[in-house]
Amino acid sequence: MISDSDHPFFRPLWRRIAIVVFCACWAAFEFYNGNETWGWITLAIAAYAVWTFLIDFKQPKDASASETPAPESEDKT
């Protein structure tokens, strides 16, 4: 099954970390401004991002990389 986390955009680790950090900073900003409801919502989004992009993330297998060409057998007779 293909999910949105399988999109090629999320393959680099730095992008996945940036998304998690952004969500966590957004939650901190909401708590700082006294918006507890939005703070908890964005903190939940950050927790989901940690699970999806860091803990449970599996690099998709690249079809072209997994298919290695068979060595050609040459008869040198």
Protein backbone atom coordinates (compact mmCIF):
# COMPACT_ATOMS: atom_id res chain seq x y z
CA MET A 1 0.00 0.00 0.00
CA ILE A 2 1.32 3.41 -0.94
CA SER A 3 0.84 6.25 1.49
CA ASP A 4 1.72 9.91 1.32
CA SER A 5 4.92 9.27 3.28
CA ASP A 6 6.11 7.15 0.34
CA HIS A 7 6.25 10.23 -1.88
CA PRO A 8 9.75 10.92 -3.24
CA PHE A 9 9.70 14.35 -1.58
CA PHE A 10 10.10 12.69 1.84
CA ARG A 11 13.10 10.50 0.99
CA PRO A 12 15.82 12.89 2.26
CA LEU A 13 16.17 12.72 6.04
CA TRP A 14 16.70 16.47 6.40
CA ARG A 15 13.24 17.21 4.95
CA ARG A 16 11.54 14.83 7.35
CA ILE A 17 13.41 16.33 10.30
CA ALA A 18 12.56 19.86 9.10
CA ILE A 19 8.84 19.00 9.03
CA VAL A 20 8.98 17.62 12.58
CA VAL A 21 10.92 20.65 13.87
CA PHE A 22 8.54 23.05 12.13
CA CYS A 23 5.49 21.40 13.72
CA ALA A 24 7.11 21.39 17.16
CA CYS A 25 8.06 25.08 16.84
CA TRP A 26 4.55 25.91 15.70
CA ALA A 27 3.15 24.13 18.78
CA ALA A 28 5.54 26.05 21.05
CA PHE A 29 4.50 29.31 19.39
CA GLU A 30 0.82 28.54 19.98
CA PHE A 31 1.44 27.68 23.64
CA TYR A 32 3.54 30.83 24.08
CA ASN A 33 0.68 32.97 22.76
CA GLY A 34 -1.83 31.32 25.10
CA ASN A 35 -3.66 29.29 22.47
CA GLU A 36 -3.72 25.96 24.26
CA THR A 37 -6.21 24.31 21.91
CA TRP A 38 -4.09 25.02 18.82
CA GLY A 39 -0.97 24.18 20.80
CA TRP A 40 -2.28 20.69 21.58
CA ILE A 41 -3.47 20.20 18.01
CA THR A 42 -0.10 21.12 16.52
CA LEU A 43 1.71 19.10 19.17
CA ALA A 44 -0.36 16.09 18.11
CA ILE A 45 0.58 16.79 14.49
CA ALA A 46 4.26 16.95 15.51
CA ALA A 47 3.95 13.63 17.38
CA TYR A 48 2.31 12.04 14.34
CA ALA A 49 5.10 13.42 12.14
CA VAL A 50 7.73 11.93 14.46
CA TRP A 51 6.05 8.53 14.21
CA THR A 52 5.43 8.69 10.45
CA PHE A 53 8.67 10.28 9.24
CA LEU A 54 11.27 9.14 11.78
CA ILE A 55 10.20 6.02 13.65
CA ASP A 56 8.08 4.05 11.17
CA PHE A 57 9.55 5.44 7.92
CA LYS A 58 10.81 2.87 5.46
CA GLN A 59 12.75 3.97 2.43
CA PRO A 60 10.88 2.84 -0.68
CA LYS A 61 12.78 0.35 -2.74
CA ASP A 62 13.90 1.91 -5.98
CA ALA A 63 12.90 -0.42 -8.79
CA SER A 64 15.83 0.58 -11.00
CA ALA A 65 18.38 0.12 -8.20
CA SER A 66 17.10 -3.29 -7.16
CA GLU A 67 17.21 -4.71 -10.65
CA THR A 68 20.82 -5.52 -11.32
CA PRO A 69 21.60 -6.68 -14.80
CA ALA A 70 22.58 -10.30 -15.11
CA PRO A 71 26.21 -10.75 -16.06
CA GLU A 72 26.64 -11.70 -19.63
CA SER A 73 28.32 -15.01 -20.11
CA GLU A 74 30.78 -14.90 -22.93
CA ASP A 75 32.15 -18.00 -24.51
CA LYS A 76 35.79 -17.40 -25.19
CA THR A 77 36.43 -20.47 -27.26
